Amino acid sequence: MQARVEIHLKKGVTDPEGENVLKALKLLGFSNVSSVQSIKVFEIRLSGLTAARARSAVDEMCRKLLANPVIHDYRVEVRAGR
């Protein structure tokens, strides 16, 4: 199994990295860019688990380590590995 986890800031939480990238893009002449959001992506390979158990394990990883529930939301996608 392979899991893809996208972690992003909740609405209303300041994204300084995204704001700095937006400023830099505008300075480089990309005036049509109106916003930038930073997102962390983790690709996790799991073995010996069903899709349901893999999803459950990755959810637990997010709750315990990968995401801060106060400021982050996350999305998990599980699919058969290559």
PDB file of N, CA and C in Angstrom:
ATOM      1  N   MET A   1       0.840  -1.178   0.000  1.00  0.00           N
ATOM      2  CA  MET A   1       0.000   0.000   0.000  1.00  0.00           C
ATOM      3  C   MET A   1       0.880   1.235   0.000  1.00  0.00           C
ATOM      4  N   GLN A   2       0.352   2.258  -0.604  1.00  0.00           N
ATOM      5  CA  GLN A   2       1.031   3.543  -0.605  1.00  0.00           C
ATOM      6  C   GLN A   2       0.032   4.602  -0.160  1.00  0.00           C
ATOM      7  N   ALA A   3       0.471   5.478   0.723  1.00  0.00           N
ATOM      8  CA  ALA A   3      -0.400   6.545   1.207  1.00  0.00           C
ATOM      9  C   ALA A   3       0.217   7.884   0.861  1.00  0.00           C
ATOM     10  N   ARG A   4      -0.636   8.803   0.492  1.00  0.00           N
ATOM     11  CA  ARG A   4      -0.223  10.189   0.245  1.00  0.00           C
ATOM     12  C   ARG A   4      -0.960  11.045   1.268  1.00  0.00           C
ATOM     13  N   VAL A   5      -0.199  11.830   2.015  1.00  0.00           N
ATOM     14  CA  VAL A   5      -0.764  12.697   3.046  1.00  0.00           C
ATOM     15  C   VAL A   5      -0.457  14.141   2.678  1.00  0.00           C
ATOM     16  N   GLU A   6      -1.497  14.957   2.592  1.00  0.00           N
ATOM     17  CA  GLU A   6      -1.331  16.389   2.358  1.00  0.00           C
ATOM     18  C   GLU A   6      -1.719  17.112   3.639  1.00  0.00           C
ATOM     19  N   ILE A   7      -0.812  17.916   4.156  1.00  0.00           N
ATOM     20  CA  ILE A   7      -1.056  18.660   5.386  1.00  0.00           C
ATOM     21  C   ILE A   7      -1.036  20.140   5.057  1.00  0.00           C
ATOM     22  N   HIS A   8      -2.101  20.826   5.426  1.00  0.00           N
ATOM     23  CA  HIS A   8      -2.186  22.257   5.152  1.00  0.00           C
ATOM     24  C   HIS A   8      -2.707  22.984   6.379  1.00  0.00           C
ATOM     25  N   LEU A   9      -2.468  24.277   6.403  1.00  0.00           N
ATOM     26  CA  LEU A   9      -2.913  25.089   7.531  1.00  0.00           C
ATOM     27  C   LEU A   9      -4.426  25.275   7.481  1.00  0.00           C
ATOM     28  N   LYS A  10      -5.044  25.315   8.651  1.00  0.00           N
ATOM     29  CA  LYS A  10      -6.481  25.568   8.729  1.00  0.00           C
ATOM     30  C   LYS A  10      -6.768  26.999   8.293  1.00  0.00           C
ATOM     31  N   LYS A  11      -8.009  27.240   7.870  1.00  0.00           N
ATOM     32  CA  LYS A  11      -8.416  28.588   7.511  1.00  0.00           C
ATOM     33  C   LYS A  11      -8.212  29.506   8.701  1.00  0.00           C
ATOM     34  N   GLY A  12      -7.693  30.681   8.425  1.00  0.00           N
ATOM     35  CA  GLY A  12      -7.471  31.661   9.474  1.00  0.00           C
ATOM     36  C   GLY A  12      -6.093  31.602  10.104  1.00  0.00           C
ATOM     37  N   VAL A  13      -5.315  30.557   9.816  1.00  0.00           N
ATOM     38  CA  VAL A  13      -3.958  30.448  10.344  1.00  0.00           C
ATOM     39  C   VAL A  13      -3.005  31.082   9.333  1.00  0.00           C
ATOM     40  N   THR A  14      -2.158  31.969   9.806  1.00  0.00           N
ATOM     41  CA  THR A  14      -1.217  32.664   8.937  1.00  0.00           C
ATOM     42  C   THR A  14      -0.233  31.687   8.311  1.00  0.00           C
ATOM     43  N   ASP A  15       0.048  31.890   7.017  1.00  0.00           N
ATOM     44  CA  ASP A  15       0.979  31.050   6.271  1.00  0.00           C
ATOM     45  C   ASP A  15       2.170  31.911   5.845  1.00  0.00           C
ATOM     46  N   PRO A  16       3.164  32.108   6.734  1.00  0.00           N
ATOM     47  CA  PRO A  16       4.281  32.985   6.392  1.00  0.00           C
ATOM     48  C   PRO A  16       5.081  32.503   5.185  1.00  0.00           C
ATOM     49  N   GLU A  17       5.214  31.202   5.023  1.00  0.00           N
ATOM     50  CA  GLU A  17       5.962  30.679   3.868  1.00  0.00           C
ATOM     51  C   GLU A  17       5.233  31.028   2.575  1.00  0.00           C
ATOM     52  N   GLY A  18       3.929  30.820   2.553  1.00  0.00           N
ATOM     53  CA  GLY A  18       3.148  31.158   1.368  1.00  0.00           C
ATOM     54  C   GLY A  18       3.184  32.643   1.072  1.00  0.00           C
ATOM     55  N   GLU A  19       3.107  33.470   2.116  1.00  0.00           N
ATOM     56  CA  GLU A  19       3.157  34.923   1.930  1.00  0.00           C
ATOM     57  C   GLU A  19       4.500  35.371   1.366  1.00  0.00           C
ATOM     58  N   ASN A  20       5.598  34.780   1.857  1.00  0.00           N
ATOM     59  CA  ASN A  20       6.927  35.134   1.351  1.00  0.00           C
ATOM     60  C   ASN A  20       7.107  34.705  -0.095  1.00  0.00           C
ATOM     61  N   VAL A  21       6.592  33.547  -0.453  1.00  0.00           N
ATOM     62  CA  VAL A  21       6.679  33.100  -1.841  1.00  0.00           C
ATOM     63  C   VAL A  21       5.860  34.027  -2.742  1.00  0.00           C
ATOM     64  N   LEU A  22       4.682  34.430  -2.285  1.00  0.00           N
ATOM     65  CA  LEU A  22       3.851  35.366  -3.053  1.00  0.00           C
ATOM     66  C   LEU A  22       4.600  36.670  -3.296  1.00  0.00           C
ATOM     67  N   LYS A  23       5.209  37.222  -2.252  1.00  0.00           N
ATOM     68  CA  LYS A  23       5.975  38.462  -2.412  1.00  0.00           C
ATOM     69  C   LYS A  23       7.108  38.284  -3.414  1.00  0.00           C
ATOM     70  N   ALA A  24       7.833  37.170  -3.303  1.00  0.00           N
ATOM     71  CA  ALA A  24       8.951  36.914  -4.206  1.00  0.00           C
ATOM     72  C   ALA A  24       8.478  36.769  -5.651  1.00  0.00           C
ATOM     73  N   LEU A  25       7.370  36.073  -5.859  1.00  0.00           N
ATOM     74  CA  LEU A  25       6.843  35.919  -7.220  1.00  0.00           C
ATOM     75  C   LEU A  25       6.456  37.266  -7.806  1.00  0.00           C
ATOM     76  N   LYS A  26       5.832  38.104  -7.004  1.00  0.00           N
ATOM     77  CA  LYS A  26       5.454  39.444  -7.484  1.00  0.00           C
ATOM     78  C   LYS A  26       6.699  40.259  -7.824  1.00  0.00           C
ATOM     79  N   LEU A  27       7.756  40.169  -6.996  1.00  0.00           N
ATOM     80  CA  LEU A  27       9.003  40.869  -7.290  1.00  0.00           C
ATOM     81  C   LEU A  27       9.658  40.366  -8.580  1.00  0.00           C
ATOM     82  N   LEU A  28       9.421  39.113  -8.903  1.00  0.00           N
ATOM     83  CA  LEU A  28       9.967  38.530 -10.136  1.00  0.00           C
ATOM     84  C   LEU A  28       9.104  38.828 -11.358  1.00  0.00           C
ATOM     85  N   GLY A  29       8.028  39.579 -11.157  1.00  0.00           N
ATOM     86  CA  GLY A  29       7.201  39.989 -12.287  1.00  0.00           C
ATOM     87  C   GLY A  29       5.955  39.160 -12.510  1.00  0.00           C
ATOM     88  N   PHE A  30       5.660  38.229 -11.627  1.00  0.00           N
ATOM     89  CA  PHE A  30       4.452  37.409 -11.772  1.00  0.00           C
ATOM     90  C   PHE A  30       3.288  38.104 -11.069  1.00  0.00           C
ATOM     91  N   SER A  31       2.852  39.206 -11.649  1.00  0.00           N
ATOM     92  CA  SER A  31       1.842  40.054 -11.008  1.00  0.00           C
ATOM     93  C   SER A  31       0.451  39.431 -11.000  1.00  0.00           C
ATOM     94  N   ASN A  32       0.237  38.397 -11.795  1.00  0.00           N
ATOM     95  CA  ASN A  32      -1.086  37.768 -11.857  1.00  0.00           C
ATOM     96  C   ASN A  32      -1.313  36.721 -10.759  1.00  0.00           C
ATOM     97  N   VAL A  33      -0.304  36.448  -9.935  1.00  0.00           N
ATOM     98  CA  VAL A  33      -0.465  35.491  -8.832  1.00  0.00           C
ATOM     99  C   VAL A  33      -1.148  36.221  -7.677  1.00  0.00           C
ATOM    100  N   SER A  34      -2.269  35.691  -7.216  1.00  0.00           N
ATOM    101  CA  SER A  34      -3.019  36.372  -6.157  1.00  0.00           C
ATOM    102  C   SER A  34      -2.836  35.739  -4.777  1.00  0.00           C
ATOM    103  N   SER A  35      -2.452  34.472  -4.707  1.00  0.00           N
ATOM    104  CA  SER A  35      -2.190  33.856  -3.406  1.00  0.00           C
ATOM    105  C   SER A  35      -1.354  32.599  -3.589  1.00  0.00           C
ATOM    106  N   VAL A  36      -0.656  32.243  -2.524  1.00  0.00           N
ATOM    107  CA  VAL A  36       0.158  31.024  -2.489  1.00  0.00           C
ATOM    108  C   VAL A  36      -0.062  30.385  -1.130  1.00  0.00           C
ATOM    109  N   GLN A  37      -0.294  29.078  -1.123  1.00  0.00           N
ATOM    110  CA  GLN A  37      -0.428  28.329   0.121  1.00  0.00           C
ATOM    111  C   GLN A  37       0.631  27.242   0.152  1.00  0.00           C
ATOM    112  N   SER A  38       1.299  27.109   1.288  1.00  0.00           N
ATOM    113  CA  SER A  38       2.278  26.036   1.421  1.00  0.00           C
ATOM    114  C   SER A  38       1.562  24.787   1.937  1.00  0.00           C
ATOM    115  N   ILE A  39       1.956  23.649   1.385  1.00  0.00           N
ATOM    116  CA  ILE A  39       1.366  22.362   1.759  1.00  0.00           C
ATOM    117  C   ILE A  39       2.506  21.360   1.906  1.00  0.00           C
ATOM    118  N   LYS A  40       2.493  20.591   2.975  1.00  0.00           N
ATOM    119  CA  LYS A  40       3.450  19.491   3.134  1.00  0.00           C
ATOM    120  C   LYS A  40       2.828  18.238   2.551  1.00  0.00           C
ATOM    121  N   VAL A  41       3.643  17.452   1.848  1.00  0.00           N
ATOM    122  CA  VAL A  41       3.175  16.187   1.286  1.00  0.00           C
ATOM    123  C   VAL A  41       4.116  15.078   1.744  1.00  0.00           C
ATOM    124  N   PHE A  42       3.527  14.016   2.246  1.00  0.00           N
ATOM    125  CA  PHE A  42       4.285  12.831   2.635  1.00  0.00           C
ATOM    126  C   PHE A  42       3.799  11.660   1.795  1.00  0.00           C
ATOM    127  N   GLU A  43       4.722  10.919   1.212  1.00  0.00           N
ATOM    128  CA  GLU A  43       4.426   9.665   0.518  1.00  0.00           C
ATOM    129  C   GLU A  43       4.915   8.556   1.429  1.00  0.00           C
ATOM    130  N   ILE A  44       4.013   7.712   1.884  1.00  0.00           N
ATOM    131  CA  ILE A  44       4.352   6.668   2.858  1.00  0.00           C
ATOM    132  C   ILE A  44       4.026   5.303   2.265  1.00  0.00           C
ATOM    133  N   ARG A  45       4.992   4.412   2.259  1.00  0.00           N
ATOM    134  CA  ARG A  45       4.755   3.041   1.798  1.00  0.00           C
ATOM    135  C   ARG A  45       4.563   2.140   3.006  1.00  0.00           C
ATOM    136  N   LEU A  46       3.532   1.320   2.924  1.00  0.00           N
ATOM    137  CA  LEU A  46       3.217   0.395   4.016  1.00  0.00           C
ATOM    138  C   LEU A  46       3.128  -1.003   3.433  1.00  0.00           C
ATOM    139  N   SER A  47       3.510  -1.987   4.210  1.00  0.00           N
ATOM    140  CA  SER A  47       3.408  -3.363   3.728  1.00  0.00           C
ATOM    141  C   SER A  47       2.605  -4.200   4.701  1.00  0.00           C
ATOM    142  N   GLY A  48       1.961  -5.227   4.167  1.00  0.00           N
ATOM    143  CA  GLY A  48       1.246  -6.184   4.987  1.00  0.00           C
ATOM    144  C   GLY A  48      -0.062  -5.689   5.574  1.00  0.00           C
ATOM    145  N   LEU A  49      -0.629  -4.626   5.001  1.00  0.00           N
ATOM    146  CA  LEU A  49      -1.884  -4.090   5.524  1.00  0.00           C
ATOM    147  C   LEU A  49      -2.938  -4.013   4.431  1.00  0.00           C
ATOM    148  N   THR A  50      -4.177  -4.178   4.809  1.00  0.00           N
ATOM    149  CA  THR A  50      -5.278  -3.915   3.885  1.00  0.00           C
ATOM    150  C   THR A  50      -5.397  -2.402   3.716  1.00  0.00           C
ATOM    151  N   ALA A  51      -6.162  -1.975   2.746  1.00  0.00           N
ATOM    152  CA  ALA A  51      -6.354  -0.543   2.516  1.00  0.00           C
ATOM    153  C   ALA A  51      -6.963   0.127   3.747  1.00  0.00           C
ATOM    154  N   ALA A  52      -7.930  -0.523   4.373  1.00  0.00           N
ATOM    155  CA  ALA A  52      -8.588   0.053   5.553  1.00  0.00           C
ATOM    156  C   ALA A  52      -7.607   0.182   6.721  1.00  0.00           C
ATOM    157  N   ARG A  53      -6.801  -0.841   6.941  1.00  0.00           N
ATOM    158  CA  ARG A  53      -5.834  -0.778   8.046  1.00  0.00           C
ATOM    159  C   ARG A  53      -4.719   0.214   7.749  1.00  0.00           C
ATOM    160  N   ALA A  54      -4.323   0.313   6.485  1.00  0.00           N
ATOM    161  CA  ALA A  54      -3.308   1.289   6.108  1.00  0.00           C
ATOM    162  C   ALA A  54      -3.821   2.702   6.364  1.00  0.00           C
ATOM    163  N   ARG A  55      -5.064   2.965   5.979  1.00  0.00           N
ATOM    164  CA  ARG A  55      -5.658   4.287   6.204  1.00  0.00           C
ATOM    165  C   ARG A  55      -5.726   4.598   7.699  1.00  0.00           C
ATOM    166  N   SER A  56      -6.115   3.630   8.491  1.00  0.00           N
ATOM    167  CA  SER A  56      -6.196   3.805   9.930  1.00  0.00           C
ATOM    168  C   SER A  56      -4.812   4.100  10.521  1.00  0.00           C
ATOM    169  N   ALA A  57      -3.805   3.374  10.064  1.00  0.00           N
ATOM    170  CA  ALA A  57      -2.441   3.577  10.554  1.00  0.00           C
ATOM    171  C   ALA A  57      -1.936   4.971  10.184  1.00  0.00           C
ATOM    172  N   VAL A  58      -2.207   5.402   8.958  1.00  0.00           N
ATOM    173  CA  VAL A  58      -1.746   6.718   8.515  1.00  0.00           C
ATOM    174  C   VAL A  58      -2.499   7.825   9.261  1.00  0.00           C
ATOM    175  N   ASP A  59      -3.784   7.630   9.510  1.00  0.00           N
ATOM    176  CA  ASP A  59      -4.536   8.597  10.321  1.00  0.00           C
ATOM    177  C   ASP A  59      -3.885   8.752  11.703  1.00  0.00           C
ATOM    178  N   GLU A  60      -3.503   7.632  12.295  1.00  0.00           N
ATOM    179  CA  GLU A  60      -2.852   7.672  13.604  1.00  0.00           C
ATOM    180  C   GLU A  60      -1.507   8.386  13.526  1.00  0.00           C
ATOM    181  N   MET A  61      -0.739   8.155  12.442  1.00  0.00           N
ATOM    182  CA  MET A  61       0.538   8.844  12.243  1.00  0.00           C
ATOM    183  C   MET A  61       0.325  10.357  12.182  1.00  0.00           C
ATOM    184  N   CYS A  62      -0.732  10.765  11.492  1.00  0.00           N
ATOM    185  CA  CYS A  62      -1.035  12.198  11.373  1.00  0.00           C
ATOM    186  C   CYS A  62      -1.390  12.786  12.733  1.00  0.00           C
ATOM    187  N   ARG A  63      -2.213  12.090  13.479  1.00  0.00           N
ATOM    188  CA  ARG A  63      -2.637  12.592  14.793  1.00  0.00           C
ATOM    189  C   ARG A  63      -1.475  12.656  15.781  1.00  0.00           C
ATOM    190  N   LYS A  64      -0.551  11.685  15.695  1.00  0.00           N
ATOM    191  CA  LYS A  64       0.527  11.601  16.680  1.00  0.00           C
ATOM    192  C   LYS A  64       1.783  12.385  16.302  1.00  0.00           C
ATOM    193  N   LEU A  65       2.020  12.593  14.992  1.00  0.00           N
ATOM    194  CA  LEU A  65       3.299  13.180  14.608  1.00  0.00           C
ATOM    195  C   LEU A  65       3.226  14.161  13.445  1.00  0.00           C
ATOM    196  N   LEU A  66       2.590  13.785  12.365  1.00  0.00           N
ATOM    197  CA  LEU A  66       2.715  14.546  11.128  1.00  0.00           C
ATOM    198  C   LEU A  66       1.971  15.880  11.124  1.00  0.00           C
ATOM    199  N   ALA A  67       0.847  15.954  11.813  1.00  0.00           N
ATOM    200  CA  ALA A  67       0.038  17.176  11.800  1.00  0.00           C
ATOM    201  C   ALA A  67      -0.217  17.661  13.222  1.00  0.00           C
ATOM    202  N   ASN A  68      -0.270  18.967  13.368  1.00  0.00           N
ATOM    203  CA  ASN A  68      -0.653  19.578  14.642  1.00  0.00           C
ATOM    204  C   ASN A  68      -2.142  19.891  14.541  1.00  0.00           C
ATOM    205  N   PRO A  69      -2.990  19.203  15.283  1.00  0.00           N
ATOM    206  CA  PRO A  69      -4.438  19.361  15.125  1.00  0.00           C
ATOM    207  C   PRO A  69      -4.949  20.768  15.441  1.00  0.00           C
ATOM    208  N   VAL A  70      -4.161  21.567  16.138  1.00  0.00           N
ATOM    209  CA  VAL A  70      -4.577  22.934  16.451  1.00  0.00           C
ATOM    210  C   VAL A  70      -4.527  23.815  15.203  1.00  0.00           C
ATOM    211  N   ILE A  71      -3.518  23.625  14.350  1.00  0.00           N
ATOM    212  CA  ILE A  71      -3.344  24.514  13.205  1.00  0.00           C
ATOM    213  C   ILE A  71      -3.431  23.824  11.845  1.00  0.00           C
ATOM    214  N   HIS A  72      -3.417  22.485  11.823  1.00  0.00           N
ATOM    215  CA  HIS A  72      -3.390  21.766  10.546  1.00  0.00           C
ATOM    216  C   HIS A  72      -4.656  20.949  10.291  1.00  0.00           C
ATOM    217  N   ASP A  73      -4.989  20.856   9.022  1.00  0.00           N
ATOM    218  CA  ASP A  73      -5.920  19.856   8.504  1.00  0.00           C
ATOM    219  C   ASP A  73      -5.092  18.928   7.630  1.00  0.00           C
ATOM    220  N   TYR A  74      -5.569  17.717   7.419  1.00  0.00           N
ATOM    221  CA  TYR A  74      -4.834  16.817   6.529  1.00  0.00           C
ATOM    222  C   TYR A  74      -5.801  15.965   5.726  1.00  0.00           C
ATOM    223  N   ARG A  75      -5.276  15.480   4.606  1.00  0.00           N
ATOM    224  CA  ARG A  75      -6.045  14.598   3.726  1.00  0.00           C
ATOM    225  C   ARG A  75      -5.195  13.374   3.431  1.00  0.00           C
ATOM    226  N   VAL A  76      -5.780  12.199   3.540  1.00  0.00           N
ATOM    227  CA  VAL A  76      -5.077  10.939   3.308  1.00  0.00           C
ATOM    228  C   VAL A  76      -5.675  10.249   2.102  1.00  0.00           C
ATOM    229  N   GLU A  77      -4.822   9.792   1.212  1.00  0.00           N
ATOM    230  CA  GLU A  77      -5.229   8.985   0.072  1.00  0.00           C
ATOM    231  C   GLU A  77      -4.422   7.693   0.106  1.00  0.00           C
ATOM    232  N   VAL A  78      -5.098   6.557   0.106  1.00  0.00           N
ATOM    233  CA  VAL A  78      -4.423   5.253   0.142  1.00  0.00           C
ATOM    234  C   VAL A  78      -4.702   4.539  -1.173  1.00  0.00           C
ATOM    235  N   ARG A  79      -3.646   3.958  -1.754  1.00  0.00           N
ATOM    236  CA  ARG A  79      -3.811   3.217  -3.001  1.00  0.00           C
ATOM    237  C   ARG A  79      -2.834   2.040  -3.016  1.00  0.00           C
ATOM    238  N   ALA A  80      -3.077   1.109  -3.894  1.00  0.00           N
ATOM    239  CA  ALA A  80      -2.181  -0.045  -4.022  1.00  0.00           C
ATOM    240  C   ALA A  80      -0.808   0.437  -4.465  1.00  0.00           C
ATOM    241  N   GLY A  81       0.232  -0.081  -3.835  1.00  0.00           N
ATOM    242  CA  GLY A  81       1.600   0.326  -4.160  1.00  0.00           C
ATOM    243  C   GLY A  81       2.053  -0.221  -5.479  1.00  0.00           C
ATOM    244  N   ARG A  82       3.193   0.294  -5.932  1.00  0.00           N
ATOM    245  CA  ARG A  82       3.775  -0.157  -7.213  1.00  0.00           C
ATOM    246  C   ARG A  82       4.701  -1.311  -7.005  1.00  0.00           C
TER     247      ARG A  82
END
